[in-house]
Amino acid sequence: MRINYGLKPGDRLTIMEAFIDPEHPGNQASGRRTRECTVLREYPEFILADFGAYRESINKACIYCKEVLIWKGWKNK
């Protein structure tokens, strides 16, 4: 998916993604996990993000299919 979201390095995102409980792998409705990150760079197929202790890529195909939801801006707690 070559979609440009117009993200700049330093933009802060909140990411919500589905996760499966490892103790109950057959339960598809295990819940959602919300995490905050900082954008390092936006590539044509993925977004490179910094989660503090580690870096991770977010696939744009998952965002397009709504497996992962993103929104800009979050408040420091």
PDB file of N, CA and C in Angstrom:
ATOM      1  N   MET A   1       0.842  -1.176   0.000  1.00  0.00           N
ATOM      2  CA  MET A   1       0.000   0.000   0.000  1.00  0.00           C
ATOM      3  C   MET A   1       0.888   1.240   0.000  1.00  0.00           C
ATOM      4  N   ARG A   2       0.889   1.932  -1.063  1.00  0.00           N
ATOM      5  CA  ARG A   2       1.696   3.142  -1.158  1.00  0.00           C
ATOM      6  C   ARG A   2       0.823   4.358  -0.855  1.00  0.00           C
ATOM      7  N   ILE A   3       0.483   4.497   0.410  1.00  0.00           N
ATOM      8  CA  ILE A   3      -0.358   5.599   0.868  1.00  0.00           C
ATOM      9  C   ILE A   3       0.527   6.542   1.673  1.00  0.00           C
ATOM     10  N   ASN A   4       0.441   7.828   1.415  1.00  0.00           N
ATOM     11  CA  ASN A   4       1.215   8.812   2.152  1.00  0.00           C
ATOM     12  C   ASN A   4       0.305   9.459   3.198  1.00  0.00           C
ATOM     13  N   TYR A   5       0.648   9.277   4.467  1.00  0.00           N
ATOM     14  CA  TYR A   5      -0.128   9.876   5.551  1.00  0.00           C
ATOM     15  C   TYR A   5       0.388  11.257   5.933  1.00  0.00           C
ATOM     16  N   GLY A   6       1.496  11.684   5.347  1.00  0.00           N
ATOM     17  CA  GLY A   6       2.039  13.007   5.636  1.00  0.00           C
ATOM     18  C   GLY A   6       2.636  13.114   7.019  1.00  0.00           C
ATOM     19  N   LEU A   7       3.194  12.032   7.534  1.00  0.00           N
ATOM     20  CA  LEU A   7       3.796  12.038   8.863  1.00  0.00           C
ATOM     21  C   LEU A   7       5.222  12.553   8.779  1.00  0.00           C
ATOM     22  N   LYS A   8       5.604  13.365   9.721  1.00  0.00           N
ATOM     23  CA  LYS A   8       6.945  13.915   9.797  1.00  0.00           C
ATOM     24  C   LYS A   8       7.681  13.278  10.970  1.00  0.00           C
ATOM     25  N   PRO A   9       9.004  13.207  10.906  1.00  0.00           N
ATOM     26  CA  PRO A   9       9.767  12.714  12.059  1.00  0.00           C
ATOM     27  C   PRO A   9       9.470  13.573  13.287  1.00  0.00           C
ATOM     28  N   GLY A  10       9.179  12.931  14.381  1.00  0.00           N
ATOM     29  CA  GLY A  10       8.836  13.633  15.614  1.00  0.00           C
ATOM     30  C   GLY A  10       7.348  13.693  15.891  1.00  0.00           C
ATOM     31  N   ASP A  11       6.516  13.390  14.895  1.00  0.00           N
ATOM     32  CA  ASP A  11       5.069  13.347  15.130  1.00  0.00           C
ATOM     33  C   ASP A  11       4.752  12.241  16.126  1.00  0.00           C
ATOM     34  N   ARG A  12       3.829  12.501  17.002  1.00  0.00           N
ATOM     35  CA  ARG A  12       3.435  11.507  18.001  1.00  0.00           C
ATOM     36  C   ARG A  12       2.131  10.859  17.589  1.00  0.00           C
ATOM     37  N   LEU A  13       2.101   9.528  17.700  1.00  0.00           N
ATOM     38  CA  LEU A  13       0.932   8.748  17.322  1.00  0.00           C
ATOM     39  C   LEU A  13       0.467   7.901  18.480  1.00  0.00           C
ATOM     40  N   THR A  14      -0.820   7.630  18.493  1.00  0.00           N
ATOM     41  CA  THR A  14      -1.392   6.610  19.362  1.00  0.00           C
ATOM     42  C   THR A  14      -1.832   5.479  18.453  1.00  0.00           C
ATOM     43  N   ILE A  15      -1.452   4.267  18.801  1.00  0.00           N
ATOM     44  CA  ILE A  15      -1.730   3.095  17.975  1.00  0.00           C
ATOM     45  C   ILE A  15      -2.597   2.138  18.772  1.00  0.00           C
ATOM     46  N   MET A  16      -3.682   1.678  18.157  1.00  0.00           N
ATOM     47  CA  MET A  16      -4.529   0.678  18.778  1.00  0.00           C
ATOM     48  C   MET A  16      -4.539  -0.541  17.866  1.00  0.00           C
ATOM     49  N   GLU A  17      -4.174  -1.691  18.429  1.00  0.00           N
ATOM     50  CA  GLU A  17      -4.129  -2.909  17.631  1.00  0.00           C
ATOM     51  C   GLU A  17      -4.732  -4.063  18.413  1.00  0.00           C
ATOM     52  N   ALA A  18      -5.288  -4.996  17.682  1.00  0.00           N
ATOM     53  CA  ALA A  18      -5.863  -6.183  18.301  1.00  0.00           C
ATOM     54  C   ALA A  18      -4.738  -7.100  18.752  1.00  0.00           C
ATOM     55  N   PHE A  19      -4.941  -7.803  19.842  1.00  0.00           N
ATOM     56  CA  PHE A  19      -3.969  -8.796  20.277  1.00  0.00           C
ATOM     57  C   PHE A  19      -4.709 -10.045  20.725  1.00  0.00           C
ATOM     58  N   ILE A  20      -4.019 -11.159  20.645  1.00  0.00           N
ATOM     59  CA  ILE A  20      -4.590 -12.449  21.015  1.00  0.00           C
ATOM     60  C   ILE A  20      -3.937 -12.906  22.304  1.00  0.00           C
ATOM     61  N   ASP A  21      -4.752 -13.282  23.268  1.00  0.00           N
ATOM     62  CA  ASP A  21      -4.256 -13.761  24.548  1.00  0.00           C
ATOM     63  C   ASP A  21      -3.538 -15.091  24.340  1.00  0.00           C
ATOM     64  N   PRO A  22      -2.244 -15.200  24.724  1.00  0.00           N
ATOM     65  CA  PRO A  22      -1.528 -16.457  24.498  1.00  0.00           C
ATOM     66  C   PRO A  22      -2.088 -17.637  25.295  1.00  0.00           C
ATOM     67  N   GLU A  23      -2.774 -17.363  26.395  1.00  0.00           N
ATOM     68  CA  GLU A  23      -3.361 -18.454  27.184  1.00  0.00           C
ATOM     69  C   GLU A  23      -4.627 -18.986  26.537  1.00  0.00           C
ATOM     70  N   HIS A  24      -5.304 -18.173  25.725  1.00  0.00           N
ATOM     71  CA  HIS A  24      -6.537 -18.577  25.047  1.00  0.00           C
ATOM     72  C   HIS A  24      -6.438 -18.209  23.565  1.00  0.00           C
ATOM     73  N   PRO A  25      -5.585 -18.914  22.795  1.00  0.00           N
ATOM     74  CA  PRO A  25      -5.366 -18.516  21.403  1.00  0.00           C
ATOM     75  C   PRO A  25      -6.598 -18.648  20.512  1.00  0.00           C
ATOM     76  N   GLY A  26      -7.560 -19.478  20.864  1.00  0.00           N
ATOM     77  CA  GLY A  26      -8.758 -19.630  20.045  1.00  0.00           C
ATOM     78  C   GLY A  26      -9.730 -18.487  20.187  1.00  0.00           C
ATOM     79  N   ASN A  27      -9.577 -17.670  21.222  1.00  0.00           N
ATOM     80  CA  ASN A  27     -10.461 -16.540  21.473  1.00  0.00           C
ATOM     81  C   ASN A  27      -9.986 -15.349  20.648  1.00  0.00           C
ATOM     82  N   GLN A  28     -10.631 -15.071  19.525  1.00  0.00           N
ATOM     83  CA  GLN A  28     -10.207 -13.994  18.632  1.00  0.00           C
ATOM     84  C   GLN A  28     -10.521 -12.610  19.198  1.00  0.00           C
ATOM     85  N   ALA A  29     -11.457 -12.521  20.123  1.00  0.00           N
ATOM     86  CA  ALA A  29     -11.830 -11.227  20.704  1.00  0.00           C
ATOM     87  C   ALA A  29     -11.108 -11.033  22.027  1.00  0.00           C
ATOM     88  N   SER A  30      -9.785 -11.191  22.020  1.00  0.00           N
ATOM     89  CA  SER A  30      -9.015 -11.071  23.247  1.00  0.00           C
ATOM     90  C   SER A  30      -8.894  -9.629  23.713  1.00  0.00           C
ATOM     91  N   GLY A  31      -9.007  -8.688  22.810  1.00  0.00           N
ATOM     92  CA  GLY A  31      -8.969  -7.291  23.217  1.00  0.00           C
ATOM     93  C   GLY A  31      -8.108  -6.453  22.305  1.00  0.00           C
ATOM     94  N   ARG A  32      -7.894  -5.224  22.728  1.00  0.00           N
ATOM     95  CA  ARG A  32      -7.078  -4.288  21.966  1.00  0.00           C
ATOM     96  C   ARG A  32      -6.030  -3.693  22.893  1.00  0.00           C
ATOM     97  N   ARG A  33      -4.899  -3.390  22.298  1.00  0.00           N
ATOM     98  CA  ARG A  33      -3.792  -2.803  23.045  1.00  0.00           C
ATOM     99  C   ARG A  33      -3.527  -1.419  22.470  1.00  0.00           C
ATOM    100  N   THR A  34      -3.387  -0.426  23.322  1.00  0.00           N
ATOM    101  CA  THR A  34      -3.112   0.944  22.900  1.00  0.00           C
ATOM    102  C   THR A  34      -1.701   1.315  23.342  1.00  0.00           C
ATOM    103  N   ARG A  35      -0.930   1.861  22.392  1.00  0.00           N
ATOM    104  CA  ARG A  35       0.438   2.277  22.691  1.00  0.00           C
ATOM    105  C   ARG A  35       0.707   3.640  22.068  1.00  0.00           C
ATOM    106  N   GLU A  36       1.631   4.384  22.662  1.00  0.00           N
ATOM    107  CA  GLU A  36       2.033   5.678  22.133  1.00  0.00           C
ATOM    108  C   GLU A  36       3.432   5.546  21.544  1.00  0.00           C
ATOM    109  N   CYS A  37       3.672   6.280  20.452  1.00  0.00           N
ATOM    110  CA  CYS A  37       4.976   6.222  19.814  1.00  0.00           C
ATOM    111  C   CYS A  37       5.303   7.547  19.153  1.00  0.00           C
ATOM    112  N   THR A  38       6.555   7.661  18.715  1.00  0.00           N
ATOM    113  CA  THR A  38       7.029   8.814  17.963  1.00  0.00           C
ATOM    114  C   THR A  38       7.474   8.330  16.590  1.00  0.00           C
ATOM    115  N   VAL A  39       7.074   9.020  15.551  1.00  0.00           N
ATOM    116  CA  VAL A  39       7.425   8.641  14.184  1.00  0.00           C
ATOM    117  C   VAL A  39       8.896   8.959  13.936  1.00  0.00           C
ATOM    118  N   LEU A  40       9.638   7.978  13.441  1.00  0.00           N
ATOM    119  CA  LEU A  40      11.018   8.206  13.034  1.00  0.00           C
ATOM    120  C   LEU A  40      11.093   8.530  11.547  1.00  0.00           C
ATOM    121  N   ARG A  41      10.348   7.750  10.734  1.00  0.00           N
ATOM    122  CA  ARG A  41      10.321   7.996   9.293  1.00  0.00           C
ATOM    123  C   ARG A  41       9.143   7.256   8.684  1.00  0.00           C
ATOM    124  N   GLU A  42       8.557   7.864   7.655  1.00  0.00           N
ATOM    125  CA  GLU A  42       7.472   7.216   6.927  1.00  0.00           C
ATOM    126  C   GLU A  42       8.010   6.720   5.593  1.00  0.00           C
ATOM    127  N   TYR A  43       7.892   5.426   5.362  1.00  0.00           N
ATOM    128  CA  TYR A  43       8.292   4.797   4.109  1.00  0.00           C
ATOM    129  C   TYR A  43       7.037   4.490   3.293  1.00  0.00           C
ATOM    130  N   PRO A  44       7.168   4.146   1.996  1.00  0.00           N
ATOM    131  CA  PRO A  44       5.974   3.867   1.186  1.00  0.00           C
ATOM    132  C   PRO A  44       5.125   2.705   1.702  1.00  0.00           C
ATOM    133  N   GLU A  45       5.745   1.666   2.286  1.00  0.00           N
ATOM    134  CA  GLU A  45       4.984   0.498   2.723  1.00  0.00           C
ATOM    135  C   GLU A  45       4.774   0.408   4.232  1.00  0.00           C
ATOM    136  N   PHE A  46       5.549   1.158   5.024  1.00  0.00           N
ATOM    137  CA  PHE A  46       5.425   1.062   6.475  1.00  0.00           C
ATOM    138  C   PHE A  46       5.865   2.360   7.134  1.00  0.00           C
ATOM    139  N   ILE A  47       5.586   2.460   8.441  1.00  0.00           N
ATOM    140  CA  ILE A  47       5.983   3.605   9.259  1.00  0.00           C
ATOM    141  C   ILE A  47       6.946   3.088  10.313  1.00  0.00           C
ATOM    142  N   LEU A  48       8.124   3.681  10.403  1.00  0.00           N
ATOM    143  CA  LEU A  48       9.089   3.318  11.431  1.00  0.00           C
ATOM    144  C   LEU A  48       8.811   4.173  12.660  1.00  0.00           C
ATOM    145  N   ALA A  49       8.558   3.519  13.792  1.00  0.00           N
ATOM    146  CA  ALA A  49       8.147   4.238  14.999  1.00  0.00           C
ATOM    147  C   ALA A  49       9.029   3.861  16.181  1.00  0.00           C
ATOM    148  N   ASP A  50       9.214   4.813  17.091  1.00  0.00           N
ATOM    149  CA  ASP A  50       9.999   4.622  18.303  1.00  0.00           C
ATOM    150  C   ASP A  50       9.037   4.516  19.482  1.00  0.00           C
ATOM    151  N   PHE A  51       9.104   3.397  20.198  1.00  0.00           N
ATOM    152  CA  PHE A  51       8.235   3.175  21.349  1.00  0.00           C
ATOM    153  C   PHE A  51       8.980   3.371  22.666  1.00  0.00           C
ATOM    154  N   GLY A  52      10.115   4.026  22.628  1.00  0.00           N
ATOM    155  CA  GLY A  52      10.880   4.261  23.847  1.00  0.00           C
ATOM    156  C   GLY A  52      12.040   3.293  23.957  1.00  0.00           C
ATOM    157  N   ALA A  53      11.764   2.087  24.423  1.00  0.00           N
ATOM    158  CA  ALA A  53      12.815   1.093  24.617  1.00  0.00           C
ATOM    159  C   ALA A  53      13.157   0.351  23.327  1.00  0.00           C
ATOM    160  N   TYR A  54      12.322   0.433  22.326  1.00  0.00           N
ATOM    161  CA  TYR A  54      12.552  -0.296  21.078  1.00  0.00           C
ATOM    162  C   TYR A  54      11.895   0.436  19.917  1.00  0.00           C
ATOM    163  N   ARG A  55      12.267   0.027  18.701  1.00  0.00           N
ATOM    164  CA  ARG A  55      11.686   0.573  17.474  1.00  0.00           C
ATOM    165  C   ARG A  55      10.935  -0.530  16.759  1.00  0.00           C
ATOM    166  N   GLU A  56       9.889  -0.151  16.052  1.00  0.00           N
ATOM    167  CA  GLU A  56       9.050  -1.133  15.378  1.00  0.00           C
ATOM    168  C   GLU A  56       8.484  -0.511  14.109  1.00  0.00           C
ATOM    169  N   SER A  57       8.237  -1.358  13.101  1.00  0.00           N
ATOM    170  CA  SER A  57       7.607  -0.869  11.880  1.00  0.00           C
ATOM    171  C   SER A  57       6.117  -1.200  11.926  1.00  0.00           C
ATOM    172  N   ILE A  58       5.314  -0.290  11.433  1.00  0.00           N
ATOM    173  CA  ILE A  58       3.866  -0.453  11.382  1.00  0.00           C
ATOM    174  C   ILE A  58       3.495  -0.579   9.918  1.00  0.00           C
ATOM    175  N   ASN A  59       2.960  -1.710   9.527  1.00  0.00           N
ATOM    176  CA  ASN A  59       2.632  -1.976   8.136  1.00  0.00           C
ATOM    177  C   ASN A  59       1.410  -1.152   7.729  1.00  0.00           C
ATOM    178  N   LYS A  60       1.499  -0.448   6.591  1.00  0.00           N
ATOM    179  CA  LYS A  60       0.390   0.387   6.126  1.00  0.00           C
ATOM    180  C   LYS A  60      -0.779  -0.443   5.617  1.00  0.00           C
ATOM    181  N   ALA A  61      -0.523  -1.678   5.184  1.00  0.00           N
ATOM    182  CA  ALA A  61      -1.619  -2.551   4.759  1.00  0.00           C
ATOM    183  C   ALA A  61      -2.517  -2.880   5.947  1.00  0.00           C
ATOM    184  N   CYS A  62      -1.943  -3.052   7.122  1.00  0.00           N
ATOM    185  CA  CYS A  62      -2.740  -3.313   8.325  1.00  0.00           C
ATOM    186  C   CYS A  62      -3.569  -2.096   8.713  1.00  0.00           C
ATOM    187  N   ILE A  63      -3.030  -0.902   8.496  1.00  0.00           N
ATOM    188  CA  ILE A  63      -3.779   0.323   8.782  1.00  0.00           C
ATOM    189  C   ILE A  63      -4.939   0.448   7.796  1.00  0.00           C
ATOM    190  N   TYR A  64      -4.667   0.178   6.528  1.00  0.00           N
ATOM    191  CA  TYR A  64      -5.701   0.273   5.495  1.00  0.00           C
ATOM    192  C   TYR A  64      -6.834  -0.717   5.747  1.00  0.00           C
ATOM    193  N   CYS A  65      -6.503  -1.933   6.210  1.00  0.00           N
ATOM    194  CA  CYS A  65      -7.520  -2.960   6.492  1.00  0.00           C
ATOM    195  C   CYS A  65      -8.161  -2.791   7.867  1.00  0.00           C
ATOM    196  N   LYS A  66      -7.737  -1.766   8.592  1.00  0.00           N
ATOM    197  CA  LYS A  66      -8.258  -1.434   9.927  1.00  0.00           C
ATOM    198  C   LYS A  66      -7.971  -2.517  10.965  1.00  0.00           C
ATOM    199  N   GLU A  67      -6.875  -3.254  10.783  1.00  0.00           N
ATOM    200  CA  GLU A  67      -6.395  -4.149  11.823  1.00  0.00           C
ATOM    201  C   GLU A  67      -5.656  -3.342  12.888  1.00  0.00           C
ATOM    202  N   VAL A  68      -5.082  -2.224  12.449  1.00  0.00           N
ATOM    203  CA  VAL A  68      -4.376  -1.299  13.329  1.00  0.00           C
ATOM    204  C   VAL A  68      -4.968   0.082  13.097  1.00  0.00           C
ATOM    205  N   LEU A  69      -5.312   0.772  14.174  1.00  0.00           N
ATOM    206  CA  LEU A  69      -5.840   2.139  14.079  1.00  0.00           C
ATOM    207  C   LEU A  69      -4.780   3.102  14.585  1.00  0.00           C
ATOM    208  N   ILE A  70      -4.603   4.225  13.896  1.00  0.00           N
ATOM    209  CA  ILE A  70      -3.654   5.242  14.350  1.00  0.00           C
ATOM    210  C   ILE A  70      -4.359   6.583  14.416  1.00  0.00           C
ATOM    211  N   TRP A  71      -3.922   7.424  15.326  1.00  0.00           N
ATOM    212  CA  TRP A  71      -4.361   8.814  15.337  1.00  0.00           C
ATOM    213  C   TRP A  71      -3.240   9.661  15.911  1.00  0.00           C
ATOM    214  N   LYS A  72      -3.168  10.893  15.416  1.00  0.00           N
ATOM    215  CA  LYS A  72      -2.083  11.784  15.765  1.00  0.00           C
ATOM    216  C   LYS A  72      -2.378  12.484  17.077  1.00  0.00           C
ATOM    217  N   GLY A  73      -1.299  12.756  17.785  1.00  0.00           N
ATOM    218  CA  GLY A  73      -1.375  13.532  19.015  1.00  0.00           C
ATOM    219  C   GLY A  73      -1.760  12.706  20.222  1.00  0.00           C
ATOM    220  N   TRP A  74      -1.035  12.896  21.301  1.00  0.00           N
ATOM    221  CA  TRP A  74      -1.387  12.298  22.575  1.00  0.00           C
ATOM    222  C   TRP A  74      -0.757  13.149  23.655  1.00  0.00           C
ATOM    223  N   LYS A  75      -1.359  13.132  24.813  1.00  0.00           N
ATOM    224  CA  LYS A  75      -0.908  13.972  25.905  1.00  0.00           C
ATOM    225  C   LYS A  75       0.059  13.199  26.792  1.00  0.00           C
ATOM    226  N   ASN A  76       1.099  13.885  27.248  1.00  0.00           N
ATOM    227  CA  ASN A  76       2.021  13.261  28.208  1.00  0.00           C
ATOM    228  C   ASN A  76       1.317  13.120  29.548  1.00  0.00           C
ATOM    229  N   LYS A  77       1.471  11.955  30.147  1.00  0.00           N
ATOM    230  CA  LYS A  77       0.792  11.706  31.429  1.00  0.00           C
ATOM    231  C   LYS A  77       1.664  12.101  32.583  1.00  0.00           C
TER     232      LYS A  77
END
